[in-house]
């Protein structure tokens, strides 16, 4: 969700990991989380990442599910 909110800007993997650690993630868990979203992010070759369109759609699907559940 962090990458969704800053889109279309990029951030480094280290910044993303640090942002996750500031929330309820431990460093090891944050590293794994960043690895798991590899298919949804674009790396510019200098370690700066942003969400691909598939990642944007996935986040929007999660938002829609959450909204739908909240409306029940």
PDB file of N, CA and C in Angstrom:
ATOM      1  N   UNK A   1       0.819  -1.190   0.000  1.00  0.00           N
ATOM      2  CA  UNK A   1       0.000   0.000   0.000  1.00  0.00           C
ATOM      3  C   UNK A   1       0.873   1.269   0.000  1.00  0.00           C
ATOM      4  N   UNK A   2       2.040   1.174   0.555  1.00  0.00           N
ATOM      5  CA  UNK A   2       2.942   2.326   0.585  1.00  0.00           C
ATOM      6  C   UNK A   2       3.279   2.762  -0.835  1.00  0.00           C
ATOM      7  N   UNK A   3       3.633   1.793  -1.676  1.00  0.00           N
ATOM      8  CA  UNK A   3       3.970   2.120  -3.065  1.00  0.00           C
ATOM      9  C   UNK A   3       2.754   2.654  -3.819  1.00  0.00           C
ATOM     10  N   UNK A   4       1.572   2.189  -3.462  1.00  0.00           N
ATOM     11  CA  UNK A   4       0.329   2.671  -4.083  1.00  0.00           C
ATOM     12  C   UNK A   4       0.140   4.157  -3.794  1.00  0.00           C
ATOM     13  N   UNK A   5       0.365   4.550  -2.564  1.00  0.00           N
ATOM     14  CA  UNK A   5       0.130   5.945  -2.181  1.00  0.00           C
ATOM     15  C   UNK A   5       1.152   6.911  -2.755  1.00  0.00           C
ATOM     16  N   UNK A   6       2.368   6.437  -3.029  1.00  0.00           N
ATOM     17  CA  UNK A   6       3.362   7.352  -3.590  1.00  0.00           C
ATOM     18  C   UNK A   6       3.416   7.291  -5.112  1.00  0.00           C
ATOM     19  N   UNK A   7       2.667   6.357  -5.722  1.00  0.00           N
ATOM     20  CA  UNK A   7       2.669   6.201  -7.172  1.00  0.00           C
ATOM     21  C   UNK A   7       2.369   7.537  -7.838  1.00  0.00           C
ATOM     22  N   UNK A   8       3.061   7.939  -8.876  1.00  0.00           N
ATOM     23  CA  UNK A   8       4.021   7.238  -9.711  1.00  0.00           C
ATOM     24  C   UNK A   8       5.475   7.425  -9.274  1.00  0.00           C
ATOM     25  N   UNK A   9       5.688   7.990  -8.105  1.00  0.00           N
ATOM     26  CA  UNK A   9       7.062   8.165  -7.621  1.00  0.00           C
ATOM     27  C   UNK A   9       7.676   6.810  -7.292  1.00  0.00           C
ATOM     28  N   UNK A  10       8.993   6.808  -7.188  1.00  0.00           N
ATOM     29  CA  UNK A  10       9.734   5.600  -6.839  1.00  0.00           C
ATOM     30  C   UNK A  10      10.354   5.761  -5.460  1.00  0.00           C
ATOM     31  N   UNK A  11      10.665   4.637  -4.847  1.00  0.00           N
ATOM     32  CA  UNK A  11      11.413   4.653  -3.589  1.00  0.00           C
ATOM     33  C   UNK A  11      12.362   3.462  -3.618  1.00  0.00           C
ATOM     34  N   UNK A  12      13.406   3.534  -2.819  1.00  0.00           N
ATOM     35  CA  UNK A  12      14.367   2.432  -2.792  1.00  0.00           C
ATOM     36  C   UNK A  12      13.795   1.264  -1.994  1.00  0.00           C
ATOM     37  N   UNK A  13      14.317   0.086  -2.267  1.00  0.00           N
ATOM     38  CA  UNK A  13      13.903  -1.097  -1.508  1.00  0.00           C
ATOM     39  C   UNK A  13      14.188  -0.902  -0.025  1.00  0.00           C
ATOM     40  N   UNK A  14      15.316  -0.254   0.267  1.00  0.00           N
ATOM     41  CA  UNK A  14      15.688  -0.018   1.663  1.00  0.00           C
ATOM     42  C   UNK A  14      14.677   0.905   2.346  1.00  0.00           C
ATOM     43  N   UNK A  15      14.220   1.940   1.632  1.00  0.00           N
ATOM     44  CA  UNK A  15      13.213   2.844   2.196  1.00  0.00           C
ATOM     45  C   UNK A  15      11.904   2.110   2.447  1.00  0.00           C
ATOM     46  N   UNK A  16      11.522   1.242   1.504  1.00  0.00           N
ATOM     47  CA  UNK A  16      10.287   0.475   1.678  1.00  0.00           C
ATOM     48  C   UNK A  16      10.408  -0.459   2.876  1.00  0.00           C
ATOM     49  N   UNK A  17      11.521  -1.139   2.997  1.00  0.00           N
ATOM     50  CA  UNK A  17      11.746  -2.026   4.144  1.00  0.00           C
ATOM     51  C   UNK A  17      11.704  -1.234   5.449  1.00  0.00           C
ATOM     52  N   UNK A  18      12.334  -0.078   5.471  1.00  0.00           N
ATOM     53  CA  UNK A  18      12.330   0.763   6.677  1.00  0.00           C
ATOM     54  C   UNK A  18      10.912   1.214   7.016  1.00  0.00           C
ATOM     55  N   UNK A  19      10.119   1.546   5.999  1.00  0.00           N
ATOM     56  CA  UNK A  19       8.735   1.962   6.242  1.00  0.00           C
ATOM     57  C   UNK A  19       7.929   0.805   6.838  1.00  0.00           C
ATOM     58  N   UNK A  20       8.164  -0.400   6.357  1.00  0.00           N
ATOM     59  CA  UNK A  20       7.457  -1.563   6.904  1.00  0.00           C
ATOM     60  C   UNK A  20       7.874  -1.850   8.341  1.00  0.00           C
ATOM     61  N   UNK A  21       9.151  -1.666   8.641  1.00  0.00           N
ATOM     62  CA  UNK A  21       9.645  -1.901  10.006  1.00  0.00           C
ATOM     63  C   UNK A  21       9.024  -0.897  10.981  1.00  0.00           C
ATOM     64  N   UNK A  22       8.727   0.307  10.512  1.00  0.00           N
ATOM     65  CA  UNK A  22       8.079   1.296  11.383  1.00  0.00           C
ATOM     66  C   UNK A  22       6.648   0.898  11.732  1.00  0.00           C
ATOM     67  N   UNK A  23       6.117  -0.056  11.002  1.00  0.00           N
ATOM     68  CA  UNK A  23       4.783  -0.595  11.276  1.00  0.00           C
ATOM     69  C   UNK A  23       4.987  -1.963  11.919  1.00  0.00           C
ATOM     70  N   UNK A  24       3.987  -2.830  11.990  1.00  0.00           N
ATOM     71  CA  UNK A  24       4.157  -4.059  12.779  1.00  0.00           C
ATOM     72  C   UNK A  24       5.012  -5.155  12.123  1.00  0.00           C
ATOM     73  N   UNK A  25       6.037  -4.813  11.381  1.00  0.00           N
ATOM     74  CA  UNK A  25       6.912  -5.795  10.745  1.00  0.00           C
ATOM     75  C   UNK A  25       8.276  -5.804  11.426  1.00  0.00           C
ATOM     76  N   UNK A  26       8.844  -6.989  11.535  1.00  0.00           N
ATOM     77  CA  UNK A  26      10.253  -7.090  11.910  1.00  0.00           C
ATOM     78  C   UNK A  26      11.067  -7.007  10.630  1.00  0.00           C
ATOM     79  N   UNK A  27      12.349  -6.718  10.733  1.00  0.00           N
ATOM     80  CA  UNK A  27      13.207  -6.536   9.555  1.00  0.00           C
ATOM     81  C   UNK A  27      13.153  -7.751   8.633  1.00  0.00           C
ATOM     82  N   UNK A  28      13.265  -8.947   9.184  1.00  0.00           N
ATOM     83  CA  UNK A  28      13.248 -10.157   8.355  1.00  0.00           C
ATOM     84  C   UNK A  28      11.918 -10.302   7.619  1.00  0.00           C
ATOM     85  N   UNK A  29      10.813 -10.019   8.312  1.00  0.00           N
ATOM     86  CA  UNK A  29       9.494 -10.107   7.689  1.00  0.00           C
ATOM     87  C   UNK A  29       9.332  -9.051   6.602  1.00  0.00           C
ATOM     88  N   UNK A  30       9.853  -7.869   6.837  1.00  0.00           N
ATOM     89  CA  UNK A  30       9.780  -6.798   5.842  1.00  0.00           C
ATOM     90  C   UNK A  30      10.553  -7.180   4.588  1.00  0.00           C
ATOM     91  N   UNK A  31      11.717  -7.776   4.754  1.00  0.00           N
ATOM     92  CA  UNK A  31      12.509  -8.227   3.604  1.00  0.00           C
ATOM     93  C   UNK A  31      11.749  -9.259   2.781  1.00  0.00           C
ATOM     94  N   UNK A  32      11.114 -10.199   3.453  1.00  0.00           N
ATOM     95  CA  UNK A  32      10.333 -11.233   2.768  1.00  0.00           C
ATOM     96  C   UNK A  32       9.140 -10.594   2.048  1.00  0.00           C
ATOM     97  N   UNK A  33       8.482  -9.658   2.679  1.00  0.00           N
ATOM     98  CA  UNK A  33       7.337  -8.987   2.057  1.00  0.00           C
ATOM     99  C   UNK A  33       7.746  -8.286   0.767  1.00  0.00           C
ATOM    100  N   UNK A  34       8.878  -7.618   0.777  1.00  0.00           N
ATOM    101  CA  UNK A  34       9.357  -6.930  -0.422  1.00  0.00           C
ATOM    102  C   UNK A  34       9.693  -7.948  -1.514  1.00  0.00           C
ATOM    103  N   UNK A  35      10.263  -9.080  -1.144  1.00  0.00           N
ATOM    104  CA  UNK A  35      10.564 -10.130  -2.123  1.00  0.00           C
ATOM    105  C   UNK A  35       9.288 -10.694  -2.735  1.00  0.00           C
ATOM    106  N   UNK A  36       8.256 -10.841  -1.934  1.00  0.00           N
ATOM    107  CA  UNK A  36       7.007 -11.447  -2.415  1.00  0.00           C
ATOM    108  C   UNK A  36       6.253 -10.567  -3.404  1.00  0.00           C
ATOM    109  N   UNK A  37       6.472  -9.277  -3.371  1.00  0.00           N
ATOM    110  CA  UNK A  37       5.772  -8.404  -4.315  1.00  0.00           C
ATOM    111  C   UNK A  37       6.593  -8.146  -5.577  1.00  0.00           C
ATOM    112  N   UNK A  38       7.672  -8.893  -5.750  1.00  0.00           N
ATOM    113  CA  UNK A  38       8.579  -8.674  -6.886  1.00  0.00           C
ATOM    114  C   UNK A  38       7.855  -8.680  -8.226  1.00  0.00           C
ATOM    115  N   UNK A  39       6.831  -9.493  -8.388  1.00  0.00           N
ATOM    116  CA  UNK A  39       6.088  -9.545  -9.643  1.00  0.00           C
ATOM    117  C   UNK A  39       5.223  -8.332  -9.898  1.00  0.00           C
ATOM    118  N   UNK A  40       5.025  -7.523  -8.882  1.00  0.00           N
ATOM    119  CA  UNK A  40       4.147  -6.361  -8.995  1.00  0.00           C
ATOM    120  C   UNK A  40       4.899  -5.036  -9.028  1.00  0.00           C
ATOM    121  N   UNK A  41       6.241  -5.088  -8.956  1.00  0.00           N
ATOM    122  CA  UNK A  41       7.018  -3.849  -8.918  1.00  0.00           C
ATOM    123  C   UNK A  41       7.979  -3.745 -10.094  1.00  0.00           C
ATOM    124  N   UNK A  42       8.313  -2.529 -10.430  1.00  0.00           N
ATOM    125  CA  UNK A  42       9.276  -2.226 -11.481  1.00  0.00           C
ATOM    126  C   UNK A  42      10.511  -1.631 -10.822  1.00  0.00           C
ATOM    127  N   UNK A  43      11.665  -2.171 -11.168  1.00  0.00           N
ATOM    128  CA  UNK A  43      12.938  -1.669 -10.658  1.00  0.00           C
ATOM    129  C   UNK A  43      13.640  -0.962 -11.811  1.00  0.00           C
ATOM    130  N   UNK A  44      14.074   0.263 -11.601  1.00  0.00           N
ATOM    131  CA  UNK A  44      14.698   1.032 -12.681  1.00  0.00           C
ATOM    132  C   UNK A  44      16.171   0.673 -12.901  1.00  0.00           C
ATOM    133  N   UNK A  45      16.665  -0.330 -12.234  1.00  0.00           N
ATOM    134  CA  UNK A  45      18.047  -0.753 -12.399  1.00  0.00           C
ATOM    135  C   UNK A  45      18.997  -0.091 -11.417  1.00  0.00           C
ATOM    136  N   UNK A  46      18.503   0.917 -10.701  1.00  0.00           N
ATOM    137  CA  UNK A  46      19.314   1.603  -9.694  1.00  0.00           C
ATOM    138  C   UNK A  46      18.729   1.389  -8.304  1.00  0.00           C
ATOM    139  N   UNK A  47      17.864   0.359  -8.192  1.00  0.00           N
ATOM    140  CA  UNK A  47      17.286   0.029  -6.895  1.00  0.00           C
ATOM    141  C   UNK A  47      16.068   0.843  -6.508  1.00  0.00           C
ATOM    142  N   UNK A  48      15.597   1.684  -7.419  1.00  0.00           N
ATOM    143  CA  UNK A  48      14.396   2.479  -7.151  1.00  0.00           C
ATOM    144  C   UNK A  48      13.191   1.749  -7.741  1.00  0.00           C
ATOM    145  N   UNK A  49      12.177   1.535  -6.916  1.00  0.00           N
ATOM    146  CA  UNK A  49      11.037   0.726  -7.331  1.00  0.00           C
ATOM    147  C   UNK A  49       9.738   1.515  -7.289  1.00  0.00           C
ATOM    148  N   UNK A  50       8.774   1.037  -8.071  1.00  0.00           N
ATOM    149  CA  UNK A  50       7.405   1.549  -8.022  1.00  0.00           C
ATOM    150  C   UNK A  50       6.481   0.435  -8.468  1.00  0.00           C
ATOM    151  N   UNK A  51       5.209   0.586  -8.224  1.00  0.00           N
ATOM    152  CA  UNK A  51       4.251  -0.436  -8.615  1.00  0.00           C
ATOM    153  C   UNK A  51       4.063  -0.445 -10.122  1.00  0.00           C
ATOM    154  N   UNK A  52       3.933  -1.642 -10.677  1.00  0.00           N
ATOM    155  CA  UNK A  52       3.518  -1.801 -12.065  1.00  0.00           C
ATOM    156  C   UNK A  52       2.002  -1.675 -12.097  1.00  0.00           C
ATOM    157  N   UNK A  53       1.442  -1.650 -13.294  1.00  0.00           N
ATOM    158  CA  UNK A  53      -0.019  -1.583 -13.409  1.00  0.00           C
ATOM    159  C   UNK A  53      -0.691  -2.777 -12.747  1.00  0.00           C
ATOM    160  N   UNK A  54      -0.060  -3.955 -12.830  1.00  0.00           N
ATOM    161  CA  UNK A  54      -0.644  -5.132 -12.176  1.00  0.00           C
ATOM    162  C   UNK A  54      -0.686  -4.949 -10.664  1.00  0.00           C
ATOM    163  N   UNK A  55       0.312  -4.290 -10.115  1.00  0.00           N
ATOM    164  CA  UNK A  55       0.341  -4.012  -8.681  1.00  0.00           C
ATOM    165  C   UNK A  55      -0.736  -3.020  -8.277  1.00  0.00           C
ATOM    166  N   UNK A  56      -0.930  -1.995  -9.118  1.00  0.00           N
ATOM    167  CA  UNK A  56      -1.986  -1.019  -8.853  1.00  0.00           C
ATOM    168  C   UNK A  56      -3.350  -1.702  -8.844  1.00  0.00           C
ATOM    169  N   UNK A  57      -3.585  -2.561  -9.833  1.00  0.00           N
ATOM    170  CA  UNK A  57      -4.871  -3.273  -9.902  1.00  0.00           C
ATOM    171  C   UNK A  57      -5.074  -4.167  -8.687  1.00  0.00           C
ATOM    172  N   UNK A  58      -4.009  -4.840  -8.258  1.00  0.00           N
ATOM    173  CA  UNK A  58      -4.107  -5.732  -7.100  1.00  0.00           C
ATOM    174  C   UNK A  58      -4.498  -4.953  -5.839  1.00  0.00           C
ATOM    175  N   UNK A  59      -3.865  -3.812  -5.627  1.00  0.00           N
ATOM    176  CA  UNK A  59      -4.194  -2.982  -4.458  1.00  0.00           C
ATOM    177  C   UNK A  59      -5.636  -2.499  -4.549  1.00  0.00           C
ATOM    178  N   UNK A  60      -6.056  -2.075  -5.740  1.00  0.00           N
ATOM    179  CA  UNK A  60      -7.435  -1.613  -5.904  1.00  0.00           C
ATOM    180  C   UNK A  60      -8.438  -2.739  -5.659  1.00  0.00           C
ATOM    181  N   UNK A  61      -8.093  -3.974  -6.051  1.00  0.00           N
ATOM    182  CA  UNK A  61      -8.942  -5.125  -5.749  1.00  0.00           C
ATOM    183  C   UNK A  61      -9.045  -5.339  -4.244  1.00  0.00           C
ATOM    184  N   UNK A  62      -7.921  -5.199  -3.541  1.00  0.00           N
ATOM    185  CA  UNK A  62      -7.940  -5.346  -2.083  1.00  0.00           C
ATOM    186  C   UNK A  62      -8.804  -4.278  -1.433  1.00  0.00           C
ATOM    187  N   UNK A  63      -8.701  -3.041  -1.922  1.00  0.00           N
ATOM    188  CA  UNK A  63      -9.543  -1.962  -1.407  1.00  0.00           C
ATOM    189  C   UNK A  63     -11.017  -2.271  -1.645  1.00  0.00           C
ATOM    190  N   UNK A  64     -11.343  -2.752  -2.840  1.00  0.00           N
ATOM    191  CA  UNK A  64     -12.735  -3.064  -3.184  1.00  0.00           C
ATOM    192  C   UNK A  64     -13.275  -4.172  -2.285  1.00  0.00           C
ATOM    193  N   UNK A  65     -12.473  -5.214  -2.040  1.00  0.00           N
ATOM    194  CA  UNK A  65     -12.881  -6.298  -1.150  1.00  0.00           C
ATOM    195  C   UNK A  65     -13.156  -5.790   0.250  1.00  0.00           C
ATOM    196  N   UNK A  66     -12.245  -4.959   0.738  1.00  0.00           N
ATOM    197  CA  UNK A  66     -12.382  -4.409   2.087  1.00  0.00           C
ATOM    198  C   UNK A  66     -13.634  -3.556   2.188  1.00  0.00           C
ATOM    199  N   UNK A  67     -13.882  -2.742   1.182  1.00  0.00           N
ATOM    200  CA  UNK A  67     -15.067  -1.882   1.166  1.00  0.00           C
ATOM    201  C   UNK A  67     -16.331  -2.728   1.120  1.00  0.00           C
ATOM    202  N   UNK A  68     -16.295  -3.784   0.316  1.00  0.00           N
ATOM    203  CA  UNK A  68     -17.459  -4.654   0.185  1.00  0.00           C
ATOM    204  C   UNK A  68     -17.763  -5.349   1.501  1.00  0.00           C
ATOM    205  N   UNK A  69     -16.711  -5.837   2.190  1.00  0.00           N
ATOM    206  CA  UNK A  69     -16.892  -6.491   3.488  1.00  0.00           C
ATOM    207  C   UNK A  69     -17.415  -5.513   4.530  1.00  0.00           C
ATOM    208  N   UNK A  70     -16.935  -4.290   4.502  1.00  0.00           N
ATOM    209  CA  UNK A  70     -17.356  -3.284   5.475  1.00  0.00           C
ATOM    210  C   UNK A  70     -18.814  -2.905   5.268  1.00  0.00           C
ATOM    211  N   UNK A  71     -19.297  -3.014   4.038  1.00  0.00           N
ATOM    212  CA  UNK A  71     -20.670  -2.643   3.721  1.00  0.00           C
ATOM    213  C   UNK A  71     -21.680  -3.703   4.099  1.00  0.00           C
ATOM    214  N   UNK A  72     -21.253  -4.912   4.416  1.00  0.00           N
ATOM    215  CA  UNK A  72     -22.191  -5.994   4.761  1.00  0.00           C
ATOM    216  C   UNK A  72     -22.779  -5.815   6.111  1.00  0.00           C
TER     217      UNK A  72
END
